Amino acid sequence: MTACQLTWQTLGAQVLRVNTGGTELLYLSPWFDPKAQRAARGGVPVLFPQFADRGPFKKHGWARDVEWVLTQIASGADSHVLEWEWVCGGTNQPLWPHQAHLRLRAQATASGLKIQLDVCNTGTSTFEWTGGLHPYWAVGNLLESQLKGLQGVSVSDRYNASRIIEAREAVQWSGQAYESLYDMPDPVSLELPSHTLKLSMTGFDQWMVWNPAADEAKNLNDMPAADWQRFVCIEPVRVSRPCRLQPGDSFTGKLKAEWWPNSDGMGRR
């Protein structure tokens, strides 16, 4: 048996599970049905060409709802690699008068996960896009977790417009819905009782941190209501500054997740 394993679906080129060295890094709803032909609640959805409802198109765009072409599978004792491709535009997206070629590469190793998203403007018109990656990181209990690396960072908080700077040394959750966009690309660390997950990015320039908590989770019909405690989304994105691509231009965004077990219960070896 390999030390790392990816589980996926070609719909949305969505990584569903990542097992590295016996540790599950991602949350996936136990209600996930692979026959449903819809984006799963969990894993790593791809968001393109629009983040959330910040534009005229459907929420989070189309990338997570269409079939991608799986172009590579490579599995060994210490690595599992998958690559997909998708062409956006034309008759499949008549409301979007552009053409783009997207490639997604995911690699699991015993020490973590790497995902790379490439977007190339293959059309004749310039376009701007927002979006990125939407990973659901697995936590045993969100209320026993904390996120470090955001102190002093500008933040846009959906629930508190007066909060413009993160003053806390560590973000800790109290059971209230959380949706905050942090304006920086530096690494952050998610500390759990069992292990620490260090997240870093290139190409993307903001972190979106989201959890629905009990009040909003009860409105989600694709996961058990109590499962809000089992994940937190920490997402590398382009939102406030859309990525502008002229014909022939390309964008590359990378997410790297490194984990290690804790010896004292909270982030220290």
C-alpha atoms as a PDB file:
ATOM      1  CA  MET A   1       0.000   0.000   0.000  1.00  0.00           C
ATOM      2  CA  THR A   2       1.304   3.441  -0.914  1.00  0.00           C
ATOM      3  CA  ALA A   3       1.987   6.089   1.723  1.00  0.00           C
ATOM      4  CA  CYS A   4      -0.254   8.576  -0.081  1.00  0.00           C
ATOM      5  CA  GLN A   5      -3.479   8.361  -2.023  1.00  0.00           C
ATOM      6  CA  LEU A   6      -5.753  10.764  -3.896  1.00  0.00           C
ATOM      7  CA  THR A   7      -9.454  10.123  -4.475  1.00  0.00           C
ATOM      8  CA  TRP A   8     -11.178  12.217  -7.109  1.00  0.00           C
ATOM      9  CA  GLN A   9     -13.962  12.759  -9.606  1.00  0.00           C
ATOM     10  CA  THR A  10     -13.550  14.150 -13.128  1.00  0.00           C
ATOM     11  CA  LEU A  11     -16.540  16.426 -12.579  1.00  0.00           C
ATOM     12  CA  GLY A  12     -14.862  19.676 -11.656  1.00  0.00           C
ATOM     13  CA  ALA A  13     -11.445  17.959 -11.532  1.00  0.00           C
ATOM     14  CA  GLN A  14     -12.296  17.694  -7.868  1.00  0.00           C
ATOM     15  CA  VAL A  15      -9.890  16.086  -5.451  1.00  0.00           C
ATOM     16  CA  LEU A  16     -12.154  14.441  -2.867  1.00  0.00           C
ATOM     17  CA  ARG A  17      -9.766  12.870  -0.370  1.00  0.00           C
ATOM     18  CA  VAL A  18      -6.065  13.028   0.361  1.00  0.00           C
ATOM     19  CA  ASN A  19      -4.535  10.364   2.578  1.00  0.00           C
ATOM     20  CA  THR A  20      -0.901  11.110   3.378  1.00  0.00           C
ATOM     21  CA  GLY A  21       0.985   8.851   5.732  1.00  0.00           C
ATOM     22  CA  GLY A  22      -2.307   7.627   7.191  1.00  0.00           C
ATOM     23  CA  THR A  23      -3.703  11.122   7.825  1.00  0.00           C
ATOM     24  CA  GLU A  24      -6.802  12.373   5.993  1.00  0.00           C
ATOM     25  CA  LEU A  25      -6.201  16.016   5.097  1.00  0.00           C
ATOM     26  CA  LEU A  26      -9.588  16.830   3.534  1.00  0.00           C
ATOM     27  CA  TYR A  27     -13.181  16.682   4.702  1.00  0.00           C
ATOM     28  CA  LEU A  28     -15.752  14.987   2.450  1.00  0.00           C
ATOM     29  CA  SER A  29     -19.423  14.879   3.341  1.00  0.00           C
ATOM     30  CA  PRO A  30     -20.582  11.359   4.240  1.00  0.00           C
ATOM     31  CA  TRP A  31     -23.642  12.131   2.116  1.00  0.00           C
ATOM     32  CA  PHE A  32     -21.548  12.440  -1.044  1.00  0.00           C
ATOM     33  CA  ASP A  33     -23.045  10.425  -3.889  1.00  0.00           C
ATOM     34  CA  PRO A  34     -20.707   9.895  -6.873  1.00  0.00           C
ATOM     35  CA  LYS A  35     -23.733   9.176  -9.064  1.00  0.00           C
ATOM     36  CA  ALA A  36     -25.299  12.560  -8.358  1.00  0.00           C
ATOM     37  CA  GLN A  37     -23.121  14.366 -10.928  1.00  0.00           C
ATOM     38  CA  ARG A  38     -22.666  17.464  -8.826  1.00  0.00           C
ATOM     39  CA  ALA A  39     -19.820  19.141  -7.001  1.00  0.00           C
ATOM     40  CA  ALA A  40     -19.156  17.393  -3.703  1.00  0.00           C
ATOM     41  CA  ARG A  41     -19.389  19.147  -0.363  1.00  0.00           C
ATOM     42  CA  GLY A  42     -15.761  18.854   0.568  1.00  0.00           C
ATOM     43  CA  GLY A  43     -12.481  18.050  -1.120  1.00  0.00           C
ATOM     44  CA  VAL A  44     -11.041  20.826  -3.283  1.00  0.00           C
ATOM     45  CA  PRO A  45     -13.479  22.476  -5.719  1.00  0.00           C
ATOM     46  CA  VAL A  46     -12.024  24.778  -8.401  1.00  0.00           C
ATOM     47  CA  LEU A  47     -13.557  28.264  -8.632  1.00  0.00           C
ATOM     48  CA  PHE A  48     -13.486  29.929 -12.080  1.00  0.00           C
ATOM     49  CA  PRO A  49     -14.142  32.467 -13.624  1.00  0.00           C
ATOM     50  CA  GLN A  50     -15.983  34.057 -10.698  1.00  0.00           C
ATOM     51  CA  PHE A  51     -15.539  33.912  -6.947  1.00  0.00           C
ATOM     52  CA  ALA A  52     -18.806  33.439  -5.013  1.00  0.00           C
ATOM     53  CA  ASP A  53     -21.467  35.897  -6.150  1.00  0.00           C
ATOM     54  CA  ARG A  54     -19.040  38.726  -6.921  1.00  0.00           C
ATOM     55  CA  GLY A  55     -20.077  39.093 -10.547  1.00  0.00           C
ATOM     56  CA  PRO A  56     -22.861  38.387 -13.049  1.00  0.00           C
ATOM     57  CA  PHE A  57     -22.376  34.634 -13.396  1.00  0.00           C
ATOM     58  CA  LYS A  58     -23.443  31.658 -11.292  1.00  0.00           C
ATOM     59  CA  LYS A  59     -21.926  31.373  -7.833  1.00  0.00           C
ATOM     60  CA  HIS A  60     -18.281  30.279  -8.041  1.00  0.00           C
ATOM     61  CA  GLY A  61     -18.443  29.990 -11.843  1.00  0.00           C
ATOM     62  CA  TRP A  62     -18.646  26.813 -13.912  1.00  0.00           C
ATOM     63  CA  ALA A  63     -15.361  24.976 -13.368  1.00  0.00           C
ATOM     64  CA  ARG A  64     -16.638  22.855 -10.482  1.00  0.00           C
ATOM     65  CA  ASP A  65     -19.778  21.765 -12.373  1.00  0.00           C
ATOM     66  CA  VAL A  66     -18.353  20.490 -15.684  1.00  0.00           C
ATOM     67  CA  GLU A  67     -16.445  17.395 -16.730  1.00  0.00           C
ATOM     68  CA  TRP A  68     -12.691  17.851 -17.086  1.00  0.00           C
ATOM     69  CA  VAL A  69     -10.445  15.512 -19.068  1.00  0.00           C
ATOM     70  CA  LEU A  70      -8.147  13.385 -16.925  1.00  0.00           C
ATOM     71  CA  THR A  71      -4.807  13.466 -18.757  1.00  0.00           C
ATOM     72  CA  GLN A  72      -2.390  11.832 -16.313  1.00  0.00           C
ATOM     73  CA  ILE A  73      -2.336   9.343 -13.457  1.00  0.00           C
ATOM     74  CA  ALA A  74       1.003   8.467 -11.894  1.00  0.00           C
ATOM     75  CA  SER A  75       1.181   6.439  -8.699  1.00  0.00           C
ATOM     76  CA  GLY A  76       4.166   5.163  -6.776  1.00  0.00           C
ATOM     77  CA  ALA A  77       5.229   4.293  -3.260  1.00  0.00           C
ATOM     78  CA  ASP A  78       5.820   7.914  -2.286  1.00  0.00           C
ATOM     79  CA  SER A  79       3.716   9.987  -4.690  1.00  0.00           C
ATOM     80  CA  HIS A  80       0.316  10.056  -6.390  1.00  0.00           C
ATOM     81  CA  VAL A  81      -0.154  12.567  -9.236  1.00  0.00           C
ATOM     82  CA  LEU A  82      -3.258  13.509 -11.224  1.00  0.00           C
ATOM     83  CA  GLU A  83      -3.688  16.062 -14.025  1.00  0.00           C
ATOM     84  CA  TRP A  84      -6.832  17.338 -15.739  1.00  0.00           C
ATOM     85  CA  GLU A  85      -7.610  19.812 -18.522  1.00  0.00           C
ATOM     86  CA  TRP A  86     -10.707  21.837 -19.407  1.00  0.00           C
ATOM     87  CA  VAL A  87     -11.552  24.393 -22.106  1.00  0.00           C
ATOM     88  CA  CYS A  88     -13.830  27.193 -20.912  1.00  0.00           C
ATOM     89  CA  GLY A  89     -15.794  29.305 -23.377  1.00  0.00           C
ATOM     90  CA  GLY A  90     -17.554  28.872 -26.690  1.00  0.00           C
ATOM     91  CA  THR A  91     -20.922  27.147 -26.914  1.00  0.00           C
ATOM     92  CA  ASN A  92     -20.577  25.599 -23.448  1.00  0.00           C
ATOM     93  CA  GLN A  93     -20.511  29.017 -21.750  1.00  0.00           C
ATOM     94  CA  PRO A  94     -22.398  31.364 -24.104  1.00  0.00           C
ATOM     95  CA  LEU A  95     -22.567  34.151 -21.508  1.00  0.00           C
ATOM     96  CA  TRP A  96     -18.753  34.300 -21.355  1.00  0.00           C
ATOM     97  CA  PRO A  97     -17.386  35.601 -24.703  1.00  0.00           C
ATOM     98  CA  HIS A  98     -13.804  34.420 -24.130  1.00  0.00           C
ATOM     99  CA  GLN A  99     -11.700  31.274 -24.433  1.00  0.00           C
ATOM    100  CA  ALA A 100      -9.470  29.767 -21.746  1.00  0.00           C
ATOM    101  CA  HIS A 101      -7.586  26.526 -21.287  1.00  0.00           C
ATOM    102  CA  LEU A 102      -7.292  25.340 -17.679  1.00  0.00           C
ATOM    103  CA  ARG A 103      -5.005  22.656 -16.300  1.00  0.00           C
ATOM    104  CA  LEU A 104      -5.064  21.300 -12.746  1.00  0.00           C
ATOM    105  CA  ARG A 105      -2.311  19.174 -11.234  1.00  0.00           C
ATOM    106  CA  ALA A 106      -2.585  17.509  -7.830  1.00  0.00           C
ATOM    107  CA  GLN A 107       0.201  15.611  -6.095  1.00  0.00           C
ATOM    108  CA  ALA A 108       0.007  13.789  -2.774  1.00  0.00           C
ATOM    109  CA  THR A 109       3.123  12.718  -0.887  1.00  0.00           C
ATOM    110  CA  ALA A 110       3.662  11.341   2.584  1.00  0.00           C
ATOM    111  CA  SER A 111       4.278  14.889   3.824  1.00  0.00           C
ATOM    112  CA  GLY A 112       1.352  16.682   2.217  1.00  0.00           C
ATOM    113  CA  LEU A 113      -0.412  17.935  -0.886  1.00  0.00           C
ATOM    114  CA  LYS A 114       0.453  20.212  -3.809  1.00  0.00           C
ATOM    115  CA  ILE A 115      -2.092  21.607  -6.253  1.00  0.00           C
ATOM    116  CA  GLN A 116      -1.337  23.790  -9.268  1.00  0.00           C
ATOM    117  CA  LEU A 117      -3.921  25.627 -11.355  1.00  0.00           C
ATOM    118  CA  ASP A 118      -2.906  27.011 -14.759  1.00  0.00           C
ATOM    119  CA  VAL A 119      -5.162  29.365 -16.726  1.00  0.00           C
ATOM    120  CA  CYS A 120      -4.215  30.347 -20.290  1.00  0.00           C
ATOM    121  CA  ASN A 121      -6.116  32.871 -22.412  1.00  0.00           C
ATOM    122  CA  THR A 122      -6.405  31.017 -25.729  1.00  0.00           C
ATOM    123  CA  GLY A 123      -8.928  33.427 -27.241  1.00  0.00           C
ATOM    124  CA  THR A 124      -8.733  36.791 -28.976  1.00  0.00           C
ATOM    125  CA  SER A 125     -10.138  39.014 -26.199  1.00  0.00           C
ATOM    126  CA  THR A 126      -8.745  40.108 -22.844  1.00  0.00           C
ATOM    127  CA  PHE A 127     -10.623  38.910 -19.767  1.00  0.00           C
ATOM    128  CA  GLU A 128     -10.479  39.212 -15.988  1.00  0.00           C
ATOM    129  CA  TRP A 129     -11.357  36.419 -13.599  1.00  0.00           C
ATOM    130  CA  THR A 130     -11.654  35.787  -9.898  1.00  0.00           C
ATOM    131  CA  GLY A 131     -11.607  32.489  -8.048  1.00  0.00           C
ATOM    132  CA  GLY A 132      -9.058  29.922  -6.982  1.00  0.00           C
ATOM    133  CA  LEU A 133      -9.117  26.752  -4.888  1.00  0.00           C
ATOM    134  CA  HIS A 134     -11.686  25.935  -2.193  1.00  0.00           C
ATOM    135  CA  PRO A 135     -10.189  23.203   0.032  1.00  0.00           C
ATOM    136  CA  TYR A 136     -12.167  21.802   2.971  1.00  0.00           C
ATOM    137  CA  TRP A 137      -9.495  20.946   5.534  1.00  0.00           C
ATOM    138  CA  ALA A 138     -10.451  18.147   7.906  1.00  0.00           C
ATOM    139  CA  VAL A 139     -10.429  18.902  11.637  1.00  0.00           C
ATOM    140  CA  GLY A 140     -11.478  16.600  14.434  1.00  0.00           C
ATOM    141  CA  ASN A 141     -13.246  19.449  16.215  1.00  0.00           C
ATOM    142  CA  LEU A 142     -13.104  22.987  14.864  1.00  0.00           C
ATOM    143  CA  LEU A 143     -13.516  24.428  18.362  1.00  0.00           C
ATOM    144  CA  GLU A 144     -10.224  22.781  19.355  1.00  0.00           C
ATOM    145  CA  SER A 145      -8.351  24.214  16.351  1.00  0.00           C
ATOM    146  CA  GLN A 146      -6.601  27.501  15.691  1.00  0.00           C
ATOM    147  CA  LEU A 147      -5.172  29.325  12.689  1.00  0.00           C
ATOM    148  CA  LYS A 148      -1.925  31.279  13.000  1.00  0.00           C
ATOM    149  CA  GLY A 149      -0.110  33.706  10.704  1.00  0.00           C
ATOM    150  CA  LEU A 150      -2.803  36.342  10.147  1.00  0.00           C
ATOM    151  CA  GLN A 151      -2.127  38.833  12.933  1.00  0.00           C
ATOM    152  CA  GLY A 152      -1.871  42.411  11.613  1.00  0.00           C
ATOM    153  CA  VAL A 153      -3.324  41.474   8.211  1.00  0.00           C
ATOM    154  CA  SER A 154      -6.073  43.533   6.541  1.00  0.00           C
ATOM    155  CA  VAL A 155      -9.330  41.608   6.639  1.00  0.00           C
ATOM    156  CA  SER A 156     -12.784  41.955   5.124  1.00  0.00           C
ATOM    157  CA  ASP A 157     -15.275  40.292   7.472  1.00  0.00           C
ATOM    158  CA  ARG A 158     -18.740  39.451   6.169  1.00  0.00           C
ATOM    159  CA  TYR A 159     -20.229  39.639   9.656  1.00  0.00           C
ATOM    160  CA  ASN A 160     -18.342  42.608  11.127  1.00  0.00           C
ATOM    161  CA  ALA A 161     -17.711  45.541   8.784  1.00  0.00           C
ATOM    162  CA  SER A 162     -15.782  47.477  11.462  1.00  0.00           C
ATOM    163  CA  ARG A 163     -13.118  44.765  11.738  1.00  0.00           C
ATOM    164  CA  ILE A 164     -10.427  45.756   9.230  1.00  0.00           C
ATOM    165  CA  ILE A 165      -7.253  44.338  10.834  1.00  0.00           C
ATOM    166  CA  GLU A 166      -6.786  40.909  12.388  1.00  0.00           C
ATOM    167  CA  ALA A 167      -5.659  41.727  15.908  1.00  0.00           C
ATOM    168  CA  ARG A 168      -5.512  38.192  17.288  1.00  0.00           C
ATOM    169  CA  GLU A 169      -2.355  36.130  17.355  1.00  0.00           C
ATOM    170  CA  ALA A 170      -4.446  33.074  16.526  1.00  0.00           C
ATOM    171  CA  VAL A 171      -7.914  32.734  15.016  1.00  0.00           C
ATOM    172  CA  GLN A 172     -10.046  30.466  17.195  1.00  0.00           C
ATOM    173  CA  TRP A 173     -13.629  29.573  16.404  1.00  0.00           C
ATOM    174  CA  SER A 174     -16.497  29.975  18.853  1.00  0.00           C
ATOM    175  CA  GLY A 175     -19.356  28.337  16.981  1.00  0.00           C
ATOM    176  CA  GLN A 176     -20.370  31.431  15.016  1.00  0.00           C
ATOM    177  CA  ALA A 177     -20.441  31.579  11.208  1.00  0.00           C
ATOM    178  CA  TYR A 178     -17.088  32.779   9.861  1.00  0.00           C
ATOM    179  CA  GLU A 179     -16.295  34.310   6.483  1.00  0.00           C
ATOM    180  CA  SER A 180     -13.217  36.518   6.298  1.00  0.00           C
ATOM    181  CA  LEU A 181     -11.007  37.496   3.364  1.00  0.00           C
ATOM    182  CA  TYR A 182      -7.396  38.133   4.421  1.00  0.00           C
ATOM    183  CA  ASP A 183      -5.370  40.348   2.120  1.00  0.00           C
ATOM    184  CA  MET A 184      -1.988  38.658   2.040  1.00  0.00           C
ATOM    185  CA  PRO A 185      -0.299  35.634   0.402  1.00  0.00           C
ATOM    186  CA  ASP A 186       1.996  34.591   3.272  1.00  0.00           C
ATOM    187  CA  PRO A 187       1.912  31.080   4.771  1.00  0.00           C
ATOM    188  CA  VAL A 188      -0.501  30.222   7.583  1.00  0.00           C
ATOM    189  CA  SER A 189      -0.622  27.303  10.011  1.00  0.00           C
ATOM    190  CA  LEU A 190      -3.721  25.373  11.041  1.00  0.00           C
ATOM    191  CA  GLU A 191      -3.013  23.769  14.399  1.00  0.00           C
ATOM    192  CA  LEU A 192      -5.076  20.773  15.503  1.00  0.00           C
ATOM    193  CA  PRO A 193      -4.655  18.553  18.552  1.00  0.00           C
ATOM    194  CA  SER A 194      -3.401  15.736  16.299  1.00  0.00           C
ATOM    195  CA  HIS A 195      -1.255  17.582  13.757  1.00  0.00           C
ATOM    196  CA  THR A 196      -0.286  20.926  12.243  1.00  0.00           C
ATOM    197  CA  LEU A 197      -0.975  21.872   8.643  1.00  0.00           C
ATOM    198  CA  LYS A 198       1.190  24.582   7.064  1.00  0.00           C
ATOM    199  CA  LEU A 199      -0.426  26.196   4.018  1.00  0.00           C
ATOM    200  CA  SER A 200       1.441  28.312   1.484  1.00  0.00           C
ATOM    201  CA  MET A 201       0.591  29.773  -1.909  1.00  0.00           C
ATOM    202  CA  THR A 202       2.074  31.404  -4.985  1.00  0.00           C
ATOM    203  CA  GLY A 203       0.186  33.216  -7.741  1.00  0.00           C
ATOM    204  CA  PHE A 204      -2.914  33.610  -5.588  1.00  0.00           C
ATOM    205  CA  ASP A 205      -2.823  36.622  -3.267  1.00  0.00           C
ATOM    206  CA  GLN A 206      -5.497  36.281  -0.565  1.00  0.00           C
ATOM    207  CA  TRP A 207      -6.796  33.734   1.930  1.00  0.00           C
ATOM    208  CA  MET A 208     -10.526  33.198   2.342  1.00  0.00           C
ATOM    209  CA  VAL A 209     -11.416  31.531   5.644  1.00  0.00           C
ATOM    210  CA  TRP A 210     -14.933  30.109   5.902  1.00  0.00           C
ATOM    211  CA  ASN A 211     -17.059  27.936   8.132  1.00  0.00           C
ATOM    212  CA  PRO A 212     -20.881  27.991   8.206  1.00  0.00           C
ATOM    213  CA  ALA A 213     -21.296  27.063  11.892  1.00  0.00           C
ATOM    214  CA  ALA A 214     -24.561  25.556  13.093  1.00  0.00           C
ATOM    215  CA  ASP A 215     -26.883  28.374  12.000  1.00  0.00           C
ATOM    216  CA  GLU A 216     -25.896  28.257   8.333  1.00  0.00           C
ATOM    217  CA  ALA A 217     -24.990  24.562   8.135  1.00  0.00           C
ATOM    218  CA  LYS A 218     -28.614  23.605   8.742  1.00  0.00           C
ATOM    219  CA  ASN A 219     -29.424  25.180   5.361  1.00  0.00           C
ATOM    220  CA  LEU A 220     -26.918  22.990   3.502  1.00  0.00           C
ATOM    221  CA  ASN A 221     -28.664  19.891   2.193  1.00  0.00           C
ATOM    222  CA  ASP A 222     -25.535  17.960   1.173  1.00  0.00           C
ATOM    223  CA  MET A 223     -23.965  17.297   4.570  1.00  0.00           C
ATOM    224  CA  PRO A 224     -25.052  16.457   8.132  1.00  0.00           C
ATOM    225  CA  ALA A 225     -25.802  19.669  10.005  1.00  0.00           C
ATOM    226  CA  ALA A 226     -23.367  18.814  12.807  1.00  0.00           C
ATOM    227  CA  ASP A 227     -20.464  18.360  10.375  1.00  0.00           C
ATOM    228  CA  TRP A 228     -19.650  22.082  10.406  1.00  0.00           C
ATOM    229  CA  GLN A 229     -17.372  21.155  13.310  1.00  0.00           C
ATOM    230  CA  ARG A 230     -15.375  18.746  11.123  1.00  0.00           C
ATOM    231  CA  PHE A 231     -13.877  21.185   8.603  1.00  0.00           C
ATOM    232  CA  VAL A 232     -12.671  24.679   7.881  1.00  0.00           C
ATOM    233  CA  CYS A 233     -12.109  26.164   4.439  1.00  0.00           C
ATOM    234  CA  ILE A 234      -8.826  28.052   4.086  1.00  0.00           C
ATOM    235  CA  GLU A 235      -8.715  28.998   0.430  1.00  0.00           C
ATOM    236  CA  PRO A 236      -5.982  30.515  -1.788  1.00  0.00           C
ATOM    237  CA  VAL A 237      -7.848  32.923  -4.066  1.00  0.00           C
ATOM    238  CA  ARG A 238      -7.822  35.978  -6.310  1.00  0.00           C
ATOM    239  CA  VAL A 239     -10.781  38.165  -5.292  1.00  0.00           C
ATOM    240  CA  SER A 240     -10.055  41.842  -4.585  1.00  0.00           C
ATOM    241  CA  ARG A 241      -7.615  42.112  -7.493  1.00  0.00           C
ATOM    242  CA  PRO A 242      -8.987  40.110 -10.445  1.00  0.00           C
ATOM    243  CA  CYS A 243      -6.431  38.375 -12.621  1.00  0.00           C
ATOM    244  CA  ARG A 244      -6.312  40.069 -16.028  1.00  0.00           C
ATOM    245  CA  LEU A 245      -5.134  37.957 -18.968  1.00  0.00           C
ATOM    246  CA  GLN A 246      -4.523  39.270 -22.453  1.00  0.00           C
ATOM    247  CA  PRO A 247      -4.622  36.845 -25.406  1.00  0.00           C
ATOM    248  CA  GLY A 248      -1.755  34.373 -25.004  1.00  0.00           C
ATOM    249  CA  ASP A 249      -1.136  35.250 -21.341  1.00  0.00           C
ATOM    250  CA  SER A 250      -1.124  32.619 -18.611  1.00  0.00           C
ATOM    251  CA  PHE A 251      -1.588  32.467 -14.847  1.00  0.00           C
ATOM    252  CA  THR A 252      -0.199  29.855 -12.478  1.00  0.00           C
ATOM    253  CA  GLY A 253      -1.431  29.501  -8.918  1.00  0.00           C
ATOM    254  CA  LYS A 254      -0.056  26.962  -6.440  1.00  0.00           C
ATOM    255  CA  LEU A 255      -1.170  25.636  -3.083  1.00  0.00           C
ATOM    256  CA  LYS A 256       1.163  23.624  -0.872  1.00  0.00           C
ATOM    257  CA  ALA A 257       0.007  21.853   2.280  1.00  0.00           C
ATOM    258  CA  GLU A 258       2.593  20.310   4.599  1.00  0.00           C
ATOM    259  CA  TRP A 259       1.636  18.393   7.737  1.00  0.00           C
ATOM    260  CA  TRP A 260       3.369  16.919  10.739  1.00  0.00           C
ATOM    261  CA  PRO A 261       2.090  15.170  13.879  1.00  0.00           C
ATOM    262  CA  ASN A 262       2.062  17.025  17.170  1.00  0.00           C
ATOM    263  CA  SER A 263       3.748  15.641  20.239  1.00  0.00           C
ATOM    264  CA  ASP A 264       2.226  18.015  22.831  1.00  0.00           C
ATOM    265  CA  GLY A 265      -1.308  18.357  21.486  1.00  0.00           C
ATOM    266  CA  MET A 266      -1.181  21.760  19.759  1.00  0.00           C
ATOM    267  CA  GLY A 267       1.287  22.494  17.047  1.00  0.00           C
ATOM    268  CA  ARG A 268       4.639  21.762  18.659  1.00  0.00           C
ATOM    269  CA  ARG A 269       6.953  18.820  18.156  1.00  0.00           C
END
